[in-house]
Amino acid sequence: MDDTPILTAVILTFNNEDTIERCINSILEQKTDYKYQIHLCDDCSTDNNAKMCERYAEMYPDKIKFFHQPKNTFLGPYRKTQAYQAIQRIDTKYFCIIEGDDYWCNENKIQLALDFLESHPDYIGWAHDTLQVNEFDGTKKSWVHDIAKYKVENPVKFDDRFIFLMTSSRIFRNCGFKDKKIWPVDYLVYNYHLSKGPVYYHDEIMAVYTVGESGTFTTLGNKITADMNGMYAYKISCLLDFKFDDLCTEMQKFYDTSWGKGLKYYNRLLKFKKIFGVRLGWKLWFMRRFVLKYGFESMDLNYVYPRKSIKKHSNNLFKAKQQRKNAQGVEK
């Protein structure tokens, strides 16, 4: 019997001491005939997260590989970041990515996903619905049915439906994303694979996505989030070498109208492309809209958000959280 893993589950984690065990256990508890491995990647946590990860790696040496960054990489060069290095290590037939504050909630996920993908080689991936749990107000909602309100029909393709399925729900066939030599930003990973083939959607909640203080996008605010979403279509166009220009142009319209920006930027994009051509038109449009605000770094395909301000705000939230925990400990 071949003991070579067929799937790599990458866990990206930083300061997740309250949730990391739940995340790891949700993968270890999978009931499957398929051999899989876990790459546990800690980005130099300042809490007990790294120690907990190391303990799990010692307990399950045949299943878990622990990768600990000696220095936090969040603000470093993109090719030295934790996530970039994690994607470069993947050498199995399939892979998936999950954050340390999220977890799976169905022990048959791997079996169902790989049974399907092994018998349907024309599909590039498999995904499912996700439960979004908001730690601030206690609400729990289906991502597909309650929040995005998608009507998902199989197969999910790179088309004008613009269906986005959450990171923790996806299992992809390994088809060369790491050769692109870019940061594995979730929407780039997702759309890259959709451009290679369809994804099968399984309509069942099998993972939990946590919205809380530790989440990066929680710190952005609606104004910056709207801007970041406004960048997606250009970045995807660049990633796919402008081969899906019509779809990406309509994607720009979709994101801008969804975030209340209207048709102002979309109409300007059409005008720029008509005058300067597709590639230069997109580039000049992006520069006019975003570079003055976020600098030339924003043109980098890896750029997702203003990292320095996000890091500062995240650190402040973490310190406040630790202070509350210490105060509760004193009271006890």
C-alpha atoms as a PDB file:
ATOM      1  CA  MET A   1       0.000   0.000   0.000  1.00  0.00           C
ATOM      2  CA  ASP A   2       1.329   3.445  -0.966  1.00  0.00           C
ATOM      3  CA  ASP A   3       1.752   5.676   2.100  1.00  0.00           C
ATOM      4  CA  THR A   4       2.403   8.815   0.066  1.00  0.00           C
ATOM      5  CA  PRO A   5      -0.082  11.562   1.032  1.00  0.00           C
ATOM      6  CA  ILE A   6      -2.512  12.569  -1.686  1.00  0.00           C
ATOM      7  CA  LEU A   7      -3.701  15.760   0.060  1.00  0.00           C
ATOM      8  CA  THR A   8      -1.967  18.564   1.962  1.00  0.00           C
ATOM      9  CA  ALA A   9      -4.086  20.584   4.389  1.00  0.00           C
ATOM     10  CA  VAL A  10      -2.305  23.884   5.058  1.00  0.00           C
ATOM     11  CA  ILE A  11      -3.147  25.648   8.326  1.00  0.00           C
ATOM     12  CA  LEU A  12      -2.014  29.288   8.412  1.00  0.00           C
ATOM     13  CA  THR A  13      -1.948  30.507  11.980  1.00  0.00           C
ATOM     14  CA  PHE A  14      -0.859  33.483  14.083  1.00  0.00           C
ATOM     15  CA  ASN A  15      -1.814  34.188  17.700  1.00  0.00           C
ATOM     16  CA  ASN A  16      -4.613  31.616  17.632  1.00  0.00           C
ATOM     17  CA  GLU A  17      -4.018  29.954  21.012  1.00  0.00           C
ATOM     18  CA  ASP A  18      -7.763  30.008  21.747  1.00  0.00           C
ATOM     19  CA  THR A  19      -8.777  28.290  18.509  1.00  0.00           C
ATOM     20  CA  ILE A  20      -5.848  26.383  16.990  1.00  0.00           C
ATOM     21  CA  GLU A  21      -6.583  23.065  18.743  1.00  0.00           C
ATOM     22  CA  ARG A  22     -10.143  23.123  17.433  1.00  0.00           C
ATOM     23  CA  CYS A  23      -8.843  23.738  13.909  1.00  0.00           C
ATOM     24  CA  ILE A  24      -6.212  20.979  14.019  1.00  0.00           C
ATOM     25  CA  ASN A  25      -8.558  18.443  15.599  1.00  0.00           C
ATOM     26  CA  SER A  26     -11.209  19.080  12.963  1.00  0.00           C
ATOM     27  CA  ILE A  27      -8.735  17.824  10.358  1.00  0.00           C
ATOM     28  CA  LEU A  28      -7.248  15.021  12.427  1.00  0.00           C
ATOM     29  CA  GLU A  29     -10.753  13.647  13.090  1.00  0.00           C
ATOM     30  CA  GLN A  30     -11.458  13.109   9.393  1.00  0.00           C
ATOM     31  CA  LYS A  31     -12.696   9.617   8.560  1.00  0.00           C
ATOM     32  CA  THR A  32     -11.130   8.795   5.226  1.00  0.00           C
ATOM     33  CA  ASP A  33      -9.340   6.104   3.270  1.00  0.00           C
ATOM     34  CA  TYR A  34      -7.089   8.709   1.692  1.00  0.00           C
ATOM     35  CA  LYS A  35      -3.650   9.472   3.045  1.00  0.00           C
ATOM     36  CA  TYR A  36      -3.270  13.158   3.893  1.00  0.00           C
ATOM     37  CA  GLN A  37      -0.850  15.423   5.729  1.00  0.00           C
ATOM     38  CA  ILE A  38      -1.137  18.692   7.628  1.00  0.00           C
ATOM     39  CA  HIS A  39       1.291  21.567   7.172  1.00  0.00           C
ATOM     40  CA  LEU A  40       0.992  23.633  10.331  1.00  0.00           C
ATOM     41  CA  CYS A  41       2.458  27.098   9.664  1.00  0.00           C
ATOM     42  CA  ASP A  42       2.928  29.567  12.534  1.00  0.00           C
ATOM     43  CA  ASP A  43       4.029  33.123  11.747  1.00  0.00           C
ATOM     44  CA  CYS A  44       6.017  33.760  14.950  1.00  0.00           C
ATOM     45  CA  SER A  45       3.074  34.043  17.315  1.00  0.00           C
ATOM     46  CA  THR A  46       3.510  36.017  20.523  1.00  0.00           C
ATOM     47  CA  ASP A  47       1.027  33.911  22.507  1.00  0.00           C
ATOM     48  CA  ASN A  48       1.162  30.145  23.206  1.00  0.00           C
ATOM     49  CA  ASN A  49       0.094  29.245  19.682  1.00  0.00           C
ATOM     50  CA  ALA A  50       3.506  28.010  18.495  1.00  0.00           C
ATOM     51  CA  LYS A  51       3.992  25.786  21.560  1.00  0.00           C
ATOM     52  CA  MET A  52       0.600  24.213  21.014  1.00  0.00           C
ATOM     53  CA  CYS A  53       1.394  23.592  17.337  1.00  0.00           C
ATOM     54  CA  GLU A  54       4.736  22.048  18.222  1.00  0.00           C
ATOM     55  CA  ARG A  55       3.053  19.715  20.707  1.00  0.00           C
ATOM     56  CA  TYR A  56       0.631  18.481  18.048  1.00  0.00           C
ATOM     57  CA  ALA A  57       3.484  17.889  15.618  1.00  0.00           C
ATOM     58  CA  GLU A  58       5.244  15.772  18.255  1.00  0.00           C
ATOM     59  CA  MET A  59       2.047  13.810  18.938  1.00  0.00           C
ATOM     60  CA  TYR A  60       1.366  13.125  15.238  1.00  0.00           C
ATOM     61  CA  PRO A  61       4.781  13.009  13.517  1.00  0.00           C
ATOM     62  CA  ASP A  62       3.432  10.838  10.685  1.00  0.00           C
ATOM     63  CA  LYS A  63       0.698  13.341   9.836  1.00  0.00           C
ATOM     64  CA  ILE A  64       1.760  16.856  10.901  1.00  0.00           C
ATOM     65  CA  LYS A  65       4.716  18.915   9.738  1.00  0.00           C
ATOM     66  CA  PHE A  66       5.282  22.058  11.786  1.00  0.00           C
ATOM     67  CA  PHE A  67       6.803  25.159  10.179  1.00  0.00           C
ATOM     68  CA  HIS A  68       7.612  27.987  12.586  1.00  0.00           C
ATOM     69  CA  GLN A  69       8.782  31.394  11.399  1.00  0.00           C
ATOM     70  CA  PRO A  70      11.537  32.787  13.687  1.00  0.00           C
ATOM     71  CA  LYS A  71      10.385  36.301  12.730  1.00  0.00           C
ATOM     72  CA  ASN A  72       6.922  37.517  11.779  1.00  0.00           C
ATOM     73  CA  THR A  73       6.711  37.797   7.992  1.00  0.00           C
ATOM     74  CA  PHE A  74       3.515  39.804   7.547  1.00  0.00           C
ATOM     75  CA  LEU A  75       5.319  43.012   6.574  1.00  0.00           C
ATOM     76  CA  GLY A  76       8.207  41.330   4.801  1.00  0.00           C
ATOM     77  CA  PRO A  77       8.798  40.772   1.074  1.00  0.00           C
ATOM     78  CA  TYR A  78       5.899  38.801  -0.390  1.00  0.00           C
ATOM     79  CA  ARG A  79       8.104  35.851  -1.354  1.00  0.00           C
ATOM     80  CA  LYS A  80       9.312  35.509   2.239  1.00  0.00           C
ATOM     81  CA  THR A  81       5.867  35.571   3.835  1.00  0.00           C
ATOM     82  CA  GLN A  82       4.434  32.613   5.686  1.00  0.00           C
ATOM     83  CA  ALA A  83       1.649  32.051   3.145  1.00  0.00           C
ATOM     84  CA  TYR A  84       3.943  32.219   0.114  1.00  0.00           C
ATOM     85  CA  GLN A  85       6.345  29.687   1.599  1.00  0.00           C
ATOM     86  CA  ALA A  86       3.433  27.452   2.576  1.00  0.00           C
ATOM     87  CA  ILE A  87       2.100  27.253  -0.987  1.00  0.00           C
ATOM     88  CA  GLN A  88       5.583  26.532  -2.333  1.00  0.00           C
ATOM     89  CA  ARG A  89       5.900  23.448  -0.089  1.00  0.00           C
ATOM     90  CA  ILE A  90       2.832  21.707  -1.516  1.00  0.00           C
ATOM     91  CA  ASP A  91       3.756  18.702  -3.645  1.00  0.00           C
ATOM     92  CA  THR A  92       0.677  16.483  -3.282  1.00  0.00           C
ATOM     93  CA  LYS A  93      -2.032  15.859  -5.870  1.00  0.00           C
ATOM     94  CA  TYR A  94      -4.571  17.940  -3.905  1.00  0.00           C
ATOM     95  CA  PHE A  95      -4.395  20.745  -1.357  1.00  0.00           C
ATOM     96  CA  CYS A  96      -6.561  22.971   0.810  1.00  0.00           C
ATOM     97  CA  ILE A  97      -5.973  26.006   3.027  1.00  0.00           C
ATOM     98  CA  ILE A  98      -7.577  26.997   6.320  1.00  0.00           C
ATOM     99  CA  GLU A  99      -6.912  29.756   8.851  1.00  0.00           C
ATOM    100  CA  GLY A 100      -6.181  28.862  12.475  1.00  0.00           C
ATOM    101  CA  ASP A 101      -9.358  30.475  13.809  1.00  0.00           C
ATOM    102  CA  ASP A 102     -11.612  28.491  11.440  1.00  0.00           C
ATOM    103  CA  TYR A 103     -12.404  24.778  11.419  1.00  0.00           C
ATOM    104  CA  TRP A 104     -14.178  21.963   9.629  1.00  0.00           C
ATOM    105  CA  CYS A 105     -17.412  20.581  11.059  1.00  0.00           C
ATOM    106  CA  ASN A 106     -17.902  17.375   9.081  1.00  0.00           C
ATOM    107  CA  GLU A 107     -15.635  14.372   9.561  1.00  0.00           C
ATOM    108  CA  ASN A 108     -16.374  13.032   6.065  1.00  0.00           C
ATOM    109  CA  LYS A 109     -15.255  16.077   4.122  1.00  0.00           C
ATOM    110  CA  ILE A 110     -11.993  14.679   2.737  1.00  0.00           C
ATOM    111  CA  GLN A 111     -13.571  11.366   1.781  1.00  0.00           C
ATOM    112  CA  LEU A 112     -16.464  13.014  -0.066  1.00  0.00           C
ATOM    113  CA  ALA A 113     -14.235  15.525  -1.827  1.00  0.00           C
ATOM    114  CA  LEU A 114     -11.558  13.109  -2.993  1.00  0.00           C
ATOM    115  CA  ASP A 115     -14.048  10.405  -3.976  1.00  0.00           C
ATOM    116  CA  PHE A 116     -15.579  12.946  -6.328  1.00  0.00           C
ATOM    117  CA  LEU A 117     -12.332  14.410  -7.665  1.00  0.00           C
ATOM    118  CA  GLU A 118     -10.716  11.015  -8.205  1.00  0.00           C
ATOM    119  CA  SER A 119     -13.689   9.916 -10.308  1.00  0.00           C
ATOM    120  CA  HIS A 120     -14.104  13.259 -12.142  1.00  0.00           C
ATOM    121  CA  PRO A 121     -10.666  14.253 -13.483  1.00  0.00           C
ATOM    122  CA  ASP A 122     -12.185  17.102 -15.510  1.00  0.00           C
ATOM    123  CA  TYR A 123     -13.045  18.983 -12.275  1.00  0.00           C
ATOM    124  CA  ILE A 124     -10.382  21.208 -10.755  1.00  0.00           C
ATOM    125  CA  GLY A 125     -11.908  21.440  -7.293  1.00  0.00           C
ATOM    126  CA  TRP A 126     -14.634  20.643  -4.790  1.00  0.00           C
ATOM    127  CA  ALA A 127     -16.249  22.996  -2.261  1.00  0.00           C
ATOM    128  CA  HIS A 128     -19.234  23.385   0.061  1.00  0.00           C
ATOM    129  CA  ASP A 129     -21.224  25.893   2.088  1.00  0.00           C
ATOM    130  CA  THR A 130     -19.708  27.566   5.152  1.00  0.00           C
ATOM    131  CA  LEU A 131     -21.215  28.730   8.430  1.00  0.00           C
ATOM    132  CA  GLN A 132     -20.155  32.292   9.233  1.00  0.00           C
ATOM    133  CA  VAL A 133     -20.048  32.877  12.988  1.00  0.00           C
ATOM    134  CA  ASN A 134     -19.867  36.496  14.108  1.00  0.00           C
ATOM    135  CA  GLU A 135     -18.135  36.772  17.481  1.00  0.00           C
ATOM    136  CA  PHE A 136     -19.317  40.361  17.926  1.00  0.00           C
ATOM    137  CA  ASP A 137     -23.076  39.815  17.748  1.00  0.00           C
ATOM    138  CA  GLY A 138     -23.314  36.008  18.053  1.00  0.00           C
ATOM    139  CA  THR A 139     -25.078  35.507  14.724  1.00  0.00           C
ATOM    140  CA  LYS A 140     -24.581  32.340  12.675  1.00  0.00           C
ATOM    141  CA  LYS A 141     -25.384  32.390   8.982  1.00  0.00           C
ATOM    142  CA  SER A 142     -24.875  30.290   5.888  1.00  0.00           C
ATOM    143  CA  TRP A 143     -22.402  31.986   3.554  1.00  0.00           C
ATOM    144  CA  VAL A 144     -24.132  30.717   0.417  1.00  0.00           C
ATOM    145  CA  HIS A 145     -27.795  31.023   1.372  1.00  0.00           C
ATOM    146  CA  ASP A 146     -27.976  33.836   3.956  1.00  0.00           C
ATOM    147  CA  ILE A 147     -25.067  36.208   3.248  1.00  0.00           C
ATOM    148  CA  ALA A 148     -24.034  35.976  -0.405  1.00  0.00           C
ATOM    149  CA  LYS A 149     -27.470  34.580  -1.333  1.00  0.00           C
ATOM    150  CA  TYR A 150     -26.108  32.632  -4.260  1.00  0.00           C
ATOM    151  CA  LYS A 151     -28.143  30.266  -6.350  1.00  0.00           C
ATOM    152  CA  VAL A 152     -25.390  27.747  -6.960  1.00  0.00           C
ATOM    153  CA  GLU A 153     -25.761  25.361  -9.853  1.00  0.00           C
ATOM    154  CA  ASN A 154     -23.138  22.797 -10.764  1.00  0.00           C
ATOM    155  CA  PRO A 155     -20.647  23.040 -12.152  1.00  0.00           C
ATOM    156  CA  VAL A 156     -19.255  26.298 -10.763  1.00  0.00           C
ATOM    157  CA  LYS A 157     -17.238  27.884 -13.568  1.00  0.00           C
ATOM    158  CA  PHE A 158     -15.286  31.036 -14.277  1.00  0.00           C
ATOM    159  CA  ASP A 159     -18.279  32.846 -15.697  1.00  0.00           C
ATOM    160  CA  ASP A 160     -20.543  35.852 -15.117  1.00  0.00           C
ATOM    161  CA  ARG A 161     -22.187  34.390 -11.997  1.00  0.00           C
ATOM    162  CA  PHE A 162     -19.162  35.475  -9.910  1.00  0.00           C
ATOM    163  CA  ILE A 163     -19.795  32.852  -7.245  1.00  0.00           C
ATOM    164  CA  PHE A 164     -17.178  33.002  -4.485  1.00  0.00           C
ATOM    165  CA  LEU A 165     -16.857  30.004  -2.165  1.00  0.00           C
ATOM    166  CA  MET A 166     -14.967  30.441   1.090  1.00  0.00           C
ATOM    167  CA  THR A 167     -11.326  29.406   1.500  1.00  0.00           C
ATOM    168  CA  SER A 168     -12.001  26.838   4.232  1.00  0.00           C
ATOM    169  CA  SER A 169     -14.524  25.070   2.001  1.00  0.00           C
ATOM    170  CA  ARG A 170     -12.286  24.349  -0.982  1.00  0.00           C
ATOM    171  CA  ILE A 171     -10.130  21.402  -1.979  1.00  0.00           C
ATOM    172  CA  PHE A 172      -8.214  21.933  -5.218  1.00  0.00           C
ATOM    173  CA  ARG A 173      -6.297  19.791  -7.629  1.00  0.00           C
ATOM    174  CA  ASN A 174      -2.660  20.890  -7.588  1.00  0.00           C
ATOM    175  CA  CYS A 175      -2.276  22.457 -11.024  1.00  0.00           C
ATOM    176  CA  GLY A 176       0.630  24.872 -10.912  1.00  0.00           C
ATOM    177  CA  PHE A 177      -0.469  27.880  -8.879  1.00  0.00           C
ATOM    178  CA  LYS A 178       2.839  27.903  -7.007  1.00  0.00           C
ATOM    179  CA  ASP A 179       4.652  28.307 -10.334  1.00  0.00           C
ATOM    180  CA  LYS A 180       3.096  31.768 -10.579  1.00  0.00           C
ATOM    181  CA  LYS A 181       5.450  32.779  -7.732  1.00  0.00           C
ATOM    182  CA  ILE A 182       2.893  35.007  -6.022  1.00  0.00           C
ATOM    183  CA  TRP A 183       1.265  35.251  -2.622  1.00  0.00           C
ATOM    184  CA  PRO A 184      -1.679  32.787  -2.316  1.00  0.00           C
ATOM    185  CA  VAL A 185      -4.315  35.492  -1.926  1.00  0.00           C
ATOM    186  CA  ASP A 186      -7.663  33.718  -1.551  1.00  0.00           C
ATOM    187  CA  TYR A 187      -9.456  35.306  -4.518  1.00  0.00           C
ATOM    188  CA  LEU A 188      -6.407  34.804  -6.780  1.00  0.00           C
ATOM    189  CA  VAL A 189      -6.083  31.128  -5.795  1.00  0.00           C
ATOM    190  CA  TYR A 190      -9.813  30.632  -6.323  1.00  0.00           C
ATOM    191  CA  ASN A 191     -10.102  32.335  -9.711  1.00  0.00           C
ATOM    192  CA  TYR A 192      -6.855  30.850 -10.992  1.00  0.00           C
ATOM    193  CA  HIS A 193      -8.258  27.369 -10.435  1.00  0.00           C
ATOM    194  CA  LEU A 194     -11.661  28.259 -11.878  1.00  0.00           C
ATOM    195  CA  SER A 195      -9.857  29.369 -15.036  1.00  0.00           C
ATOM    196  CA  LYS A 196      -8.384  25.852 -15.248  1.00  0.00           C
ATOM    197  CA  GLY A 197     -11.656  23.961 -14.842  1.00  0.00           C
ATOM    198  CA  PRO A 198     -14.954  23.684 -12.959  1.00  0.00           C
ATOM    199  CA  VAL A 199     -15.517  23.253  -9.231  1.00  0.00           C
ATOM    200  CA  TYR A 200     -18.190  20.956  -7.835  1.00  0.00           C
ATOM    201  CA  TYR A 201     -20.361  22.514  -5.138  1.00  0.00           C
ATOM    202  CA  HIS A 202     -21.683  20.284  -2.327  1.00  0.00           C
ATOM    203  CA  ASP A 203     -24.639  22.063  -0.704  1.00  0.00           C
ATOM    204  CA  GLU A 204     -23.912  21.329   2.944  1.00  0.00           C
ATOM    205  CA  ILE A 205     -22.199  23.320   5.701  1.00  0.00           C
ATOM    206  CA  MET A 206     -18.919  21.545   6.435  1.00  0.00           C
ATOM    207  CA  ALA A 207     -16.721  24.366   7.758  1.00  0.00           C
ATOM    208  CA  VAL A 208     -17.018  27.341  10.105  1.00  0.00           C
ATOM    209  CA  TYR A 209     -15.586  30.761   9.293  1.00  0.00           C
ATOM    210  CA  THR A 210     -15.092  33.008  12.309  1.00  0.00           C
ATOM    211  CA  VAL A 211     -15.557  36.773  12.108  1.00  0.00           C
ATOM    212  CA  GLY A 212     -13.781  38.212  15.140  1.00  0.00           C
ATOM    213  CA  GLU A 213     -10.980  40.395  16.445  1.00  0.00           C
ATOM    214  CA  SER A 214      -8.261  38.115  15.091  1.00  0.00           C
ATOM    215  CA  GLY A 215      -9.524  38.307  11.521  1.00  0.00           C
ATOM    216  CA  THR A 216      -7.559  40.582   9.181  1.00  0.00           C
ATOM    217  CA  PHE A 217     -10.550  41.834   7.232  1.00  0.00           C
ATOM    218  CA  THR A 218     -12.374  42.681  10.449  1.00  0.00           C
ATOM    219  CA  THR A 219      -9.858  45.499  10.914  1.00  0.00           C
ATOM    220  CA  LEU A 220     -10.344  47.070   7.481  1.00  0.00           C
ATOM    221  CA  GLY A 221     -13.624  48.900   7.750  1.00  0.00           C
ATOM    222  CA  ASN A 222     -16.189  49.163   4.957  1.00  0.00           C
ATOM    223  CA  LYS A 223     -14.474  52.012   3.079  1.00  0.00           C
ATOM    224  CA  ILE A 224     -11.147  50.229   2.675  1.00  0.00           C
ATOM    225  CA  THR A 225     -12.876  46.890   2.056  1.00  0.00           C
ATOM    226  CA  ALA A 226     -14.816  48.468  -0.804  1.00  0.00           C
ATOM    227  CA  ASP A 227     -11.550  49.723  -2.307  1.00  0.00           C
ATOM    228  CA  MET A 228      -9.892  46.336  -1.937  1.00  0.00           C
ATOM    229  CA  ASN A 229     -12.823  44.639  -3.662  1.00  0.00           C
ATOM    230  CA  GLY A 230     -12.524  47.256  -6.386  1.00  0.00           C
ATOM    231  CA  MET A 231      -8.991  46.033  -7.114  1.00  0.00           C
ATOM    232  CA  TYR A 232      -9.880  42.362  -7.569  1.00  0.00           C
ATOM    233  CA  ALA A 233     -10.871  42.348 -11.225  1.00  0.00           C
ATOM    234  CA  TYR A 234      -7.655  44.073 -12.322  1.00  0.00           C
ATOM    235  CA  LYS A 235      -5.491  41.678 -10.298  1.00  0.00           C
ATOM    236  CA  ILE A 236      -7.352  38.651 -11.683  1.00  0.00           C
ATOM    237  CA  SER A 237      -6.991  40.045 -15.214  1.00  0.00           C
ATOM    238  CA  CYS A 238      -3.229  40.334 -14.725  1.00  0.00           C
ATOM    239  CA  LEU A 239      -2.977  36.856 -13.210  1.00  0.00           C
ATOM    240  CA  LEU A 240      -4.800  35.335 -16.183  1.00  0.00           C
ATOM    241  CA  ASP A 241      -2.837  37.433 -18.696  1.00  0.00           C
ATOM    242  CA  PHE A 242      -6.003  39.302 -19.774  1.00  0.00           C
ATOM    243  CA  LYS A 243      -7.381  36.181 -21.487  1.00  0.00           C
ATOM    244  CA  PHE A 244     -10.774  36.637 -19.791  1.00  0.00           C
ATOM    245  CA  ASP A 245     -11.093  40.378 -20.305  1.00  0.00           C
ATOM    246  CA  ASP A 246     -14.850  40.493 -20.933  1.00  0.00           C
ATOM    247  CA  LEU A 247     -15.569  38.532 -17.760  1.00  0.00           C
ATOM    248  CA  CYS A 248     -13.144  40.553 -15.652  1.00  0.00           C
ATOM    249  CA  THR A 249     -14.632  43.805 -16.945  1.00  0.00           C
ATOM    250  CA  GLU A 250     -18.096  42.653 -15.908  1.00  0.00           C
ATOM    251  CA  MET A 251     -16.604  41.515 -12.600  1.00  0.00           C
ATOM    252  CA  GLN A 252     -15.446  45.101 -12.031  1.00  0.00           C
ATOM    253  CA  LYS A 253     -18.992  46.295 -12.601  1.00  0.00           C
ATOM    254  CA  PHE A 254     -20.332  43.634 -10.230  1.00  0.00           C
ATOM    255  CA  TYR A 255     -17.978  44.484  -7.347  1.00  0.00           C
ATOM    256  CA  ASP A 256     -18.358  48.255  -7.692  1.00  0.00           C
ATOM    257  CA  THR A 257     -22.152  48.141  -7.742  1.00  0.00           C
ATOM    258  CA  SER A 258     -22.210  45.572  -4.914  1.00  0.00           C
ATOM    259  CA  TRP A 259     -20.173  47.926  -2.711  1.00  0.00           C
ATOM    260  CA  GLY A 260     -22.133  51.058  -3.567  1.00  0.00           C
ATOM    261  CA  LYS A 261     -19.632  52.607  -5.981  1.00  0.00           C
ATOM    262  CA  GLY A 262     -22.087  52.713  -8.869  1.00  0.00           C
ATOM    263  CA  LEU A 263     -20.971  52.741 -12.517  1.00  0.00           C
ATOM    264  CA  LYS A 264     -18.545  55.679 -12.393  1.00  0.00           C
ATOM    265  CA  TYR A 265     -15.338  53.601 -12.353  1.00  0.00           C
ATOM    266  CA  TYR A 266     -16.741  50.911 -14.644  1.00  0.00           C
ATOM    267  CA  ASN A 267     -17.633  53.460 -17.337  1.00  0.00           C
ATOM    268  CA  ARG A 268     -14.213  55.050 -16.992  1.00  0.00           C
ATOM    269  CA  LEU A 269     -12.618  51.615 -17.462  1.00  0.00           C
ATOM    270  CA  LEU A 270     -14.555  51.076 -20.695  1.00  0.00           C
ATOM    271  CA  LYS A 271     -13.382  54.470 -21.949  1.00  0.00           C
ATOM    272  CA  PHE A 272      -9.729  53.831 -21.026  1.00  0.00           C
ATOM    273  CA  LYS A 273      -9.706  50.429 -22.728  1.00  0.00           C
ATOM    274  CA  LYS A 274     -11.284  51.874 -25.877  1.00  0.00           C
ATOM    275  CA  ILE A 275      -8.619  54.581 -26.102  1.00  0.00           C
ATOM    276  CA  PHE A 276      -5.506  52.737 -24.889  1.00  0.00           C
ATOM    277  CA  GLY A 277      -6.282  49.059 -25.475  1.00  0.00           C
ATOM    278  CA  VAL A 278      -6.964  46.318 -22.930  1.00  0.00           C
ATOM    279  CA  ARG A 279      -3.659  46.035 -21.059  1.00  0.00           C
ATOM    280  CA  LEU A 280      -2.670  49.694 -20.945  1.00  0.00           C
ATOM    281  CA  GLY A 281      -6.257  50.780 -20.407  1.00  0.00           C
ATOM    282  CA  TRP A 282      -6.607  48.597 -17.299  1.00  0.00           C
ATOM    283  CA  LYS A 283      -3.227  49.763 -15.979  1.00  0.00           C
ATOM    284  CA  LEU A 284      -3.904  53.479 -16.418  1.00  0.00           C
ATOM    285  CA  TRP A 285      -7.398  53.080 -14.962  1.00  0.00           C
ATOM    286  CA  PHE A 286      -5.976  51.330 -11.899  1.00  0.00           C
ATOM    287  CA  MET A 287      -3.272  53.955 -11.441  1.00  0.00           C
ATOM    288  CA  ARG A 288      -5.754  56.804 -11.565  1.00  0.00           C
ATOM    289  CA  ARG A 289      -8.143  55.147  -9.145  1.00  0.00           C
ATOM    290  CA  PHE A 290      -5.811  53.568  -6.572  1.00  0.00           C
ATOM    291  CA  VAL A 291      -2.128  54.553  -6.821  1.00  0.00           C
ATOM    292  CA  LEU A 292      -2.535  58.094  -5.537  1.00  0.00           C
ATOM    293  CA  LYS A 293      -4.371  56.685  -2.530  1.00  0.00           C
ATOM    294  CA  TYR A 294      -2.354  53.546  -1.733  1.00  0.00           C
ATOM    295  CA  GLY A 295       0.950  54.079  -3.537  1.00  0.00           C
ATOM    296  CA  PHE A 296       2.659  52.153  -6.320  1.00  0.00           C
ATOM    297  CA  GLU A 297       2.842  49.044  -4.115  1.00  0.00           C
ATOM    298  CA  SER A 298      -0.892  48.615  -4.719  1.00  0.00           C
ATOM    299  CA  MET A 299      -0.153  47.702  -8.349  1.00  0.00           C
ATOM    300  CA  ASP A 300       1.712  44.593  -7.212  1.00  0.00           C
ATOM    301  CA  LEU A 301      -0.336  41.467  -7.868  1.00  0.00           C
ATOM    302  CA  ASN A 302       0.345  40.392  -4.276  1.00  0.00           C
ATOM    303  CA  TYR A 303      -1.084  43.566  -2.750  1.00  0.00           C
ATOM    304  CA  VAL A 304      -4.357  42.930  -0.928  1.00  0.00           C
ATOM    305  CA  TYR A 305      -4.569  45.684   1.696  1.00  0.00           C
ATOM    306  CA  PRO A 306      -2.379  48.354   3.360  1.00  0.00           C
ATOM    307  CA  ARG A 307      -0.312  45.943   5.441  1.00  0.00           C
ATOM    308  CA  LYS A 308       1.313  48.421   7.844  1.00  0.00           C
ATOM    309  CA  SER A 309      -1.952  49.954   9.037  1.00  0.00           C
ATOM    310  CA  ILE A 310      -3.593  46.523   9.240  1.00  0.00           C
ATOM    311  CA  LYS A 311      -0.690  45.140  11.276  1.00  0.00           C
ATOM    312  CA  LYS A 312      -0.767  48.069  13.671  1.00  0.00           C
ATOM    313  CA  HIS A 313      -4.505  47.805  14.212  1.00  0.00           C
ATOM    314  CA  SER A 314      -4.356  44.000  14.584  1.00  0.00           C
ATOM    315  CA  ASN A 315      -1.601  44.304  17.194  1.00  0.00           C
ATOM    316  CA  ASN A 316      -3.671  46.789  19.176  1.00  0.00           C
ATOM    317  CA  LEU A 317      -6.693  44.468  19.083  1.00  0.00           C
ATOM    318  CA  PHE A 318      -4.557  41.539  20.230  1.00  0.00           C
ATOM    319  CA  LYS A 319      -3.058  43.531  23.118  1.00  0.00           C
ATOM    320  CA  ALA A 320      -6.521  44.598  24.236  1.00  0.00           C
ATOM    321  CA  LYS A 321      -7.710  40.999  24.078  1.00  0.00           C
ATOM    322  CA  GLN A 322      -4.746  39.793  26.160  1.00  0.00           C
ATOM    323  CA  GLN A 323      -5.375  42.512  28.730  1.00  0.00           C
ATOM    324  CA  ARG A 324      -8.990  41.422  29.078  1.00  0.00           C
ATOM    325  CA  LYS A 325      -7.910  37.791  29.530  1.00  0.00           C
ATOM    326  CA  ASN A 326      -5.343  38.761  32.158  1.00  0.00           C
ATOM    327  CA  ALA A 327      -7.920  40.867  34.003  1.00  0.00           C
ATOM    328  CA  GLN A 328     -10.369  37.961  34.006  1.00  0.00           C
ATOM    329  CA  GLY A 329      -7.632  35.726  35.381  1.00  0.00           C
ATOM    330  CA  VAL A 330      -6.963  38.119  38.256  1.00  0.00           C
ATOM    331  CA  GLU A 331     -10.672  38.285  39.105  1.00  0.00           C
ATOM    332  CA  LYS A 332     -10.816  34.479  39.349  1.00  0.00           C
END
